[in-house]
Amino acid sequence: MATETAASAAAVEEVVAVPAAEKGSKHKLERQWTFWFDNQSKPKQQGAAWGTSLRKVYTFDTVEEFWCLYDQIFKPSKLPGNADFHLFKTGIDPKWEDPECANGGKWTVASNRRANLDTMWLETLMALIGEQFDDAEDICGVVASVRQRQDKLSLWTKTAANEAAQMSIGRKWKEIIDVTDKITYNFHDDARRERSSKGRYNV
């Protein structure tokens, strides 16, 4: 199992191996999206800041490129423990410090089964690139986090203080990923100040 995990991590990190979509007529998306990878299981250099292991992997703007990338690489079940996949709008870094994220927050849903995380991740990706959210302009991107105790999916947005937009996004996301349990929205600002920030909104 350890060898399998190491092999998965190596495959993901081998950016050169990311396949190119076939040439020909392609179906353009409304905007560009970028996949990122963060392997936090690797030992960090002493004093290294958070985000130093975060790597931009591939930017795409067609349906064909998306499916090529997803099928080959970007499934959470292929991730080693303690690693993250991100899909963010191109031009937005998946960091609190990014100007587009600084005043935002995130909706989070937990998953105890890796197959379920894969399904929710794919449904979310398709909804994002297909512009299925009414408040799509307020969305920054989504993060799939594989952890030993519990995997999770987080949908990042720009304006945490806009409760109406966040509630709309939260309700739509629950419908998309077919979740009935309550999900919570946290402000990045709260998380910066406290280790365990309380959720501001619930749906």
C-alpha atoms as a PDB file:
ATOM      1  CA  MET A   1       0.000   0.000   0.000  1.00  0.00           C
ATOM      2  CA  ALA A   2       2.853   2.394   0.896  1.00  0.00           C
ATOM      3  CA  THR A   3       4.501   1.695  -2.466  1.00  0.00           C
ATOM      4  CA  GLU A   4       1.200   2.355  -4.223  1.00  0.00           C
ATOM      5  CA  THR A   5       0.806   5.698  -2.401  1.00  0.00           C
ATOM      6  CA  ALA A   6       4.362   6.733  -3.224  1.00  0.00           C
ATOM      7  CA  ALA A   7       3.777   5.822  -6.867  1.00  0.00           C
ATOM      8  CA  SER A   8       0.565   7.887  -6.917  1.00  0.00           C
ATOM      9  CA  ALA A   9       2.367  10.887  -5.467  1.00  0.00           C
ATOM     10  CA  ALA A  10       5.169  10.562  -8.004  1.00  0.00           C
ATOM     11  CA  ALA A  11       2.668  10.339 -10.872  1.00  0.00           C
ATOM     12  CA  VAL A  12       0.842  13.441  -9.715  1.00  0.00           C
ATOM     13  CA  GLU A  13       4.037  15.422  -9.258  1.00  0.00           C
ATOM     14  CA  GLU A  14       5.415  14.455 -12.661  1.00  0.00           C
ATOM     15  CA  VAL A  15       3.957  17.531 -14.345  1.00  0.00           C
ATOM     16  CA  VAL A  16       5.677  16.691 -17.614  1.00  0.00           C
ATOM     17  CA  ALA A  17       3.540  13.580 -17.819  1.00  0.00           C
ATOM     18  CA  VAL A  18       0.288  15.573 -17.938  1.00  0.00           C
ATOM     19  CA  PRO A  19      -1.253  14.567 -21.269  1.00  0.00           C
ATOM     20  CA  ALA A  20      -2.268  17.123 -23.857  1.00  0.00           C
ATOM     21  CA  ALA A  21      -5.811  16.984 -25.180  1.00  0.00           C
ATOM     22  CA  GLU A  22      -6.238  15.872 -28.772  1.00  0.00           C
ATOM     23  CA  LYS A  23      -6.208  18.574 -31.416  1.00  0.00           C
ATOM     24  CA  GLY A  24      -9.285  19.367 -33.428  1.00  0.00           C
ATOM     25  CA  SER A  25     -12.566  21.114 -32.663  1.00  0.00           C
ATOM     26  CA  LYS A  26     -12.818  21.743 -28.938  1.00  0.00           C
ATOM     27  CA  HIS A  27     -15.619  22.938 -26.704  1.00  0.00           C
ATOM     28  CA  LYS A  28     -14.467  26.188 -25.093  1.00  0.00           C
ATOM     29  CA  LEU A  29     -15.355  26.922 -21.480  1.00  0.00           C
ATOM     30  CA  GLU A  30     -16.517  30.378 -20.376  1.00  0.00           C
ATOM     31  CA  ARG A  31     -13.262  30.939 -18.482  1.00  0.00           C
ATOM     32  CA  GLN A  32      -9.865  29.368 -17.792  1.00  0.00           C
ATOM     33  CA  TRP A  33      -9.323  27.106 -14.794  1.00  0.00           C
ATOM     34  CA  THR A  34      -6.109  25.915 -13.139  1.00  0.00           C
ATOM     35  CA  PHE A  35      -5.365  22.697 -11.251  1.00  0.00           C
ATOM     36  CA  TRP A  36      -2.986  22.913  -8.291  1.00  0.00           C
ATOM     37  CA  PHE A  37      -1.368  20.185  -6.182  1.00  0.00           C
ATOM     38  CA  ASP A  38      -0.094  20.381  -2.609  1.00  0.00           C
ATOM     39  CA  ASN A  39       1.693  17.416  -1.019  1.00  0.00           C
ATOM     40  CA  GLN A  40       1.857  18.351   2.646  1.00  0.00           C
ATOM     41  CA  SER A  41       3.118  14.906   3.620  1.00  0.00           C
ATOM     42  CA  LYS A  42       6.590  15.858   2.382  1.00  0.00           C
ATOM     43  CA  PRO A  43       8.932  17.121   5.105  1.00  0.00           C
ATOM     44  CA  LYS A  44       9.182  20.917   4.920  1.00  0.00           C
ATOM     45  CA  GLN A  45      12.411  22.818   5.297  1.00  0.00           C
ATOM     46  CA  GLN A  46      12.733  24.456   8.693  1.00  0.00           C
ATOM     47  CA  GLY A  47      10.963  27.799   8.793  1.00  0.00           C
ATOM     48  CA  ALA A  48       9.288  27.266   5.405  1.00  0.00           C
ATOM     49  CA  ALA A  49       6.045  29.226   5.085  1.00  0.00           C
ATOM     50  CA  TRP A  50       2.665  27.597   4.434  1.00  0.00           C
ATOM     51  CA  GLY A  51       2.056  27.139   0.730  1.00  0.00           C
ATOM     52  CA  THR A  52       5.677  26.451  -0.210  1.00  0.00           C
ATOM     53  CA  SER A  53       4.697  22.955  -1.382  1.00  0.00           C
ATOM     54  CA  LEU A  54       1.760  24.276  -3.438  1.00  0.00           C
ATOM     55  CA  ARG A  55       2.349  23.784  -7.150  1.00  0.00           C
ATOM     56  CA  LYS A  56       0.445  25.030 -10.192  1.00  0.00           C
ATOM     57  CA  VAL A  57       0.024  21.985 -12.426  1.00  0.00           C
ATOM     58  CA  TYR A  58      -2.129  22.711 -15.476  1.00  0.00           C
ATOM     59  CA  THR A  59      -4.372  25.436 -16.904  1.00  0.00           C
ATOM     60  CA  PHE A  60      -7.183  24.544 -19.307  1.00  0.00           C
ATOM     61  CA  ASP A  61     -10.138  26.160 -21.056  1.00  0.00           C
ATOM     62  CA  THR A  62     -11.831  23.353 -23.007  1.00  0.00           C
ATOM     63  CA  VAL A  63     -14.115  20.457 -22.060  1.00  0.00           C
ATOM     64  CA  GLU A  64     -11.752  18.009 -23.791  1.00  0.00           C
ATOM     65  CA  GLU A  65      -8.722  19.121 -21.790  1.00  0.00           C
ATOM     66  CA  PHE A  66     -10.710  18.851 -18.568  1.00  0.00           C
ATOM     67  CA  TRP A  67     -11.725  15.216 -19.167  1.00  0.00           C
ATOM     68  CA  CYS A  68      -8.235  14.262 -20.302  1.00  0.00           C
ATOM     69  CA  LEU A  69      -6.752  15.711 -17.113  1.00  0.00           C
ATOM     70  CA  TYR A  70      -9.419  14.340 -14.800  1.00  0.00           C
ATOM     71  CA  ASP A  71      -9.300  10.796 -16.178  1.00  0.00           C
ATOM     72  CA  GLN A  72      -5.511  10.613 -16.063  1.00  0.00           C
ATOM     73  CA  ILE A  73      -4.611  12.407 -12.862  1.00  0.00           C
ATOM     74  CA  PHE A  74      -6.959  14.583 -10.897  1.00  0.00           C
ATOM     75  CA  LYS A  75      -8.961  12.162  -8.744  1.00  0.00           C
ATOM     76  CA  PRO A  76      -8.694  12.468  -4.933  1.00  0.00           C
ATOM     77  CA  SER A  77      -8.499   8.665  -4.623  1.00  0.00           C
ATOM     78  CA  LYS A  78      -5.122   8.879  -6.398  1.00  0.00           C
ATOM     79  CA  LEU A  79      -3.738  11.289  -3.807  1.00  0.00           C
ATOM     80  CA  PRO A  80      -1.281  10.281  -1.090  1.00  0.00           C
ATOM     81  CA  GLY A  81      -2.364  10.996   2.501  1.00  0.00           C
ATOM     82  CA  ASN A  82      -2.166  14.624   3.619  1.00  0.00           C
ATOM     83  CA  ALA A  83      -2.284  16.016   0.079  1.00  0.00           C
ATOM     84  CA  ASP A  84      -4.669  18.397  -1.698  1.00  0.00           C
ATOM     85  CA  PHE A  85      -5.993  18.966  -5.200  1.00  0.00           C
ATOM     86  CA  HIS A  86      -7.284  22.457  -6.040  1.00  0.00           C
ATOM     87  CA  LEU A  87      -9.258  23.725  -9.013  1.00  0.00           C
ATOM     88  CA  PHE A  88      -9.336  27.549  -9.038  1.00  0.00           C
ATOM     89  CA  LYS A  89     -10.199  30.193 -11.582  1.00  0.00           C
ATOM     90  CA  THR A  90      -7.019  31.085 -13.455  1.00  0.00           C
ATOM     91  CA  GLY A  91      -5.452  34.152 -11.880  1.00  0.00           C
ATOM     92  CA  ILE A  92      -6.541  33.245  -8.330  1.00  0.00           C
ATOM     93  CA  ASP A  93      -4.043  31.420  -6.099  1.00  0.00           C
ATOM     94  CA  PRO A  94      -5.589  29.001  -3.572  1.00  0.00           C
ATOM     95  CA  LYS A  95      -4.250  30.978  -0.619  1.00  0.00           C
ATOM     96  CA  TRP A  96      -5.874  33.239   1.963  1.00  0.00           C
ATOM     97  CA  GLU A  97      -3.390  35.953   0.985  1.00  0.00           C
ATOM     98  CA  ASP A  98      -4.609  36.163  -2.616  1.00  0.00           C
ATOM     99  CA  PRO A  99      -6.543  39.451  -3.028  1.00  0.00           C
ATOM    100  CA  GLU A 100      -9.530  37.553  -4.487  1.00  0.00           C
ATOM    101  CA  CYS A 101      -9.675  35.248  -1.429  1.00  0.00           C
ATOM    102  CA  ALA A 102      -8.658  37.661   1.343  1.00  0.00           C
ATOM    103  CA  ASN A 103     -12.214  38.734   2.263  1.00  0.00           C
ATOM    104  CA  GLY A 104     -13.776  35.367   1.528  1.00  0.00           C
ATOM    105  CA  GLY A 105     -14.446  32.066   3.196  1.00  0.00           C
ATOM    106  CA  LYS A 106     -15.387  28.487   2.435  1.00  0.00           C
ATOM    107  CA  TRP A 107     -18.177  25.949   2.591  1.00  0.00           C
ATOM    108  CA  THR A 108     -16.875  22.565   3.796  1.00  0.00           C
ATOM    109  CA  VAL A 109     -18.229  19.032   3.600  1.00  0.00           C
ATOM    110  CA  ALA A 110     -16.545  15.971   5.158  1.00  0.00           C
ATOM    111  CA  SER A 111     -16.373  12.495   3.657  1.00  0.00           C
ATOM    112  CA  ASN A 112     -15.511   9.174   5.292  1.00  0.00           C
ATOM    113  CA  ARG A 113     -15.289   7.265   2.024  1.00  0.00           C
ATOM    114  CA  ARG A 114     -12.739   7.998  -0.698  1.00  0.00           C
ATOM    115  CA  ALA A 115     -15.115   6.888  -3.473  1.00  0.00           C
ATOM    116  CA  ASN A 116     -17.703   9.353  -2.183  1.00  0.00           C
ATOM    117  CA  LEU A 117     -15.091  12.128  -2.163  1.00  0.00           C
ATOM    118  CA  ASP A 118     -14.263  11.318  -5.809  1.00  0.00           C
ATOM    119  CA  THR A 119     -17.939  11.603  -6.765  1.00  0.00           C
ATOM    120  CA  MET A 120     -18.526  14.894  -4.933  1.00  0.00           C
ATOM    121  CA  TRP A 121     -15.287  16.318  -6.357  1.00  0.00           C
ATOM    122  CA  LEU A 122     -16.256  15.451  -9.930  1.00  0.00           C
ATOM    123  CA  GLU A 123     -19.810  16.799  -9.536  1.00  0.00           C
ATOM    124  CA  THR A 124     -18.368  20.050  -8.137  1.00  0.00           C
ATOM    125  CA  LEU A 125     -15.792  20.377 -10.925  1.00  0.00           C
ATOM    126  CA  MET A 126     -18.457  19.904 -13.593  1.00  0.00           C
ATOM    127  CA  ALA A 127     -20.730  22.456 -11.903  1.00  0.00           C
ATOM    128  CA  LEU A 128     -17.902  25.006 -11.738  1.00  0.00           C
ATOM    129  CA  ILE A 129     -16.635  24.712 -15.299  1.00  0.00           C
ATOM    130  CA  GLY A 130     -20.244  24.452 -16.521  1.00  0.00           C
ATOM    131  CA  GLU A 131     -21.126  27.711 -14.699  1.00  0.00           C
ATOM    132  CA  GLN A 132     -24.070  26.120 -12.845  1.00  0.00           C
ATOM    133  CA  PHE A 133     -24.024  28.512  -9.870  1.00  0.00           C
ATOM    134  CA  ASP A 134     -26.150  31.686  -9.954  1.00  0.00           C
ATOM    135  CA  ASP A 135     -23.392  33.455  -8.008  1.00  0.00           C
ATOM    136  CA  ALA A 136     -20.546  31.973 -10.077  1.00  0.00           C
ATOM    137  CA  GLU A 137     -18.600  35.258 -10.012  1.00  0.00           C
ATOM    138  CA  ASP A 138     -18.266  34.969  -6.234  1.00  0.00           C
ATOM    139  CA  ILE A 139     -16.661  31.514  -6.400  1.00  0.00           C
ATOM    140  CA  CYS A 140     -12.852  31.210  -6.316  1.00  0.00           C
ATOM    141  CA  GLY A 141     -12.457  27.439  -6.560  1.00  0.00           C
ATOM    142  CA  VAL A 142     -12.623  24.106  -4.752  1.00  0.00           C
ATOM    143  CA  VAL A 143     -10.163  22.049  -2.700  1.00  0.00           C
ATOM    144  CA  ALA A 144     -10.170  18.265  -2.151  1.00  0.00           C
ATOM    145  CA  SER A 145      -8.152  17.302   0.943  1.00  0.00           C
ATOM    146  CA  VAL A 146      -7.176  13.709   1.690  1.00  0.00           C
ATOM    147  CA  ARG A 147      -6.518  13.147   5.396  1.00  0.00           C
ATOM    148  CA  GLN A 148      -5.995  10.107   7.594  1.00  0.00           C
ATOM    149  CA  ARG A 149      -8.993  10.748   9.838  1.00  0.00           C
ATOM    150  CA  GLN A 150     -11.457  12.342   7.425  1.00  0.00           C
ATOM    151  CA  ASP A 151     -11.316  13.646   3.873  1.00  0.00           C
ATOM    152  CA  LYS A 152     -12.984  16.939   3.034  1.00  0.00           C
ATOM    153  CA  LEU A 153     -14.070  19.168   0.194  1.00  0.00           C
ATOM    154  CA  SER A 154     -14.069  22.971   0.502  1.00  0.00           C
ATOM    155  CA  LEU A 155     -15.684  25.474  -1.850  1.00  0.00           C
ATOM    156  CA  TRP A 156     -13.940  28.865  -1.596  1.00  0.00           C
ATOM    157  CA  THR A 157     -15.763  32.144  -2.245  1.00  0.00           C
ATOM    158  CA  LYS A 158     -14.776  35.834  -2.445  1.00  0.00           C
ATOM    159  CA  THR A 159     -17.147  37.905  -0.303  1.00  0.00           C
ATOM    160  CA  ALA A 160     -17.812  36.212   3.023  1.00  0.00           C
ATOM    161  CA  ALA A 161     -19.862  39.147   4.316  1.00  0.00           C
ATOM    162  CA  ASN A 162     -22.415  38.757   1.499  1.00  0.00           C
ATOM    163  CA  GLU A 163     -24.668  36.307   3.333  1.00  0.00           C
ATOM    164  CA  ALA A 164     -27.288  36.104   0.567  1.00  0.00           C
ATOM    165  CA  ALA A 165     -24.682  35.045  -2.018  1.00  0.00           C
ATOM    166  CA  GLN A 166     -23.058  32.521   0.328  1.00  0.00           C
ATOM    167  CA  MET A 167     -26.384  30.939   1.300  1.00  0.00           C
ATOM    168  CA  SER A 168     -27.341  30.681  -2.370  1.00  0.00           C
ATOM    169  CA  ILE A 169     -24.007  29.023  -3.206  1.00  0.00           C
ATOM    170  CA  GLY A 170     -24.214  26.685  -0.195  1.00  0.00           C
ATOM    171  CA  ARG A 171     -27.746  25.507  -1.021  1.00  0.00           C
ATOM    172  CA  LYS A 172     -26.864  24.956  -4.682  1.00  0.00           C
ATOM    173  CA  TRP A 173     -23.673  23.067  -3.787  1.00  0.00           C
ATOM    174  CA  LYS A 174     -25.543  20.726  -1.417  1.00  0.00           C
ATOM    175  CA  GLU A 175     -27.979  19.957  -4.229  1.00  0.00           C
ATOM    176  CA  ILE A 176     -25.125  19.310  -6.702  1.00  0.00           C
ATOM    177  CA  ILE A 177     -23.177  16.934  -4.434  1.00  0.00           C
ATOM    178  CA  ASP A 178     -26.374  15.360  -3.041  1.00  0.00           C
ATOM    179  CA  VAL A 179     -25.624  15.978   0.643  1.00  0.00           C
ATOM    180  CA  THR A 180     -28.419  16.039   3.233  1.00  0.00           C
ATOM    181  CA  ASP A 181     -26.324  16.751   6.352  1.00  0.00           C
ATOM    182  CA  LYS A 182     -25.808  20.349   7.438  1.00  0.00           C
ATOM    183  CA  ILE A 183     -22.753  22.072   5.946  1.00  0.00           C
ATOM    184  CA  THR A 184     -20.987  25.120   7.415  1.00  0.00           C
ATOM    185  CA  TYR A 185     -19.411  28.284   6.053  1.00  0.00           C
ATOM    186  CA  ASN A 186     -16.286  29.718   7.717  1.00  0.00           C
ATOM    187  CA  PHE A 187     -14.699  33.134   7.168  1.00  0.00           C
ATOM    188  CA  HIS A 188     -10.974  32.985   6.292  1.00  0.00           C
ATOM    189  CA  ASP A 189     -10.546  35.965   8.631  1.00  0.00           C
ATOM    190  CA  ASP A 190     -11.857  33.941  11.591  1.00  0.00           C
ATOM    191  CA  ALA A 191      -9.610  31.004  10.738  1.00  0.00           C
ATOM    192  CA  ARG A 192      -6.585  33.310  10.588  1.00  0.00           C
ATOM    193  CA  ARG A 193      -7.263  34.552  14.122  1.00  0.00           C
ATOM    194  CA  GLU A 194      -8.343  31.326  15.803  1.00  0.00           C
ATOM    195  CA  ARG A 195      -7.341  27.708  15.385  1.00  0.00           C
ATOM    196  CA  SER A 196     -10.924  26.454  15.427  1.00  0.00           C
ATOM    197  CA  SER A 197     -13.197  29.146  14.022  1.00  0.00           C
ATOM    198  CA  LYS A 198     -16.961  28.877  14.427  1.00  0.00           C
ATOM    199  CA  GLY A 199     -19.091  28.564  11.327  1.00  0.00           C
ATOM    200  CA  ARG A 200     -20.944  31.756  10.367  1.00  0.00           C
ATOM    201  CA  TYR A 201     -23.605  30.284   8.041  1.00  0.00           C
ATOM    202  CA  ASN A 202     -25.237  26.856   7.812  1.00  0.00           C
ATOM    203  CA  VAL A 203     -27.418  25.182   5.201  1.00  0.00           C
END
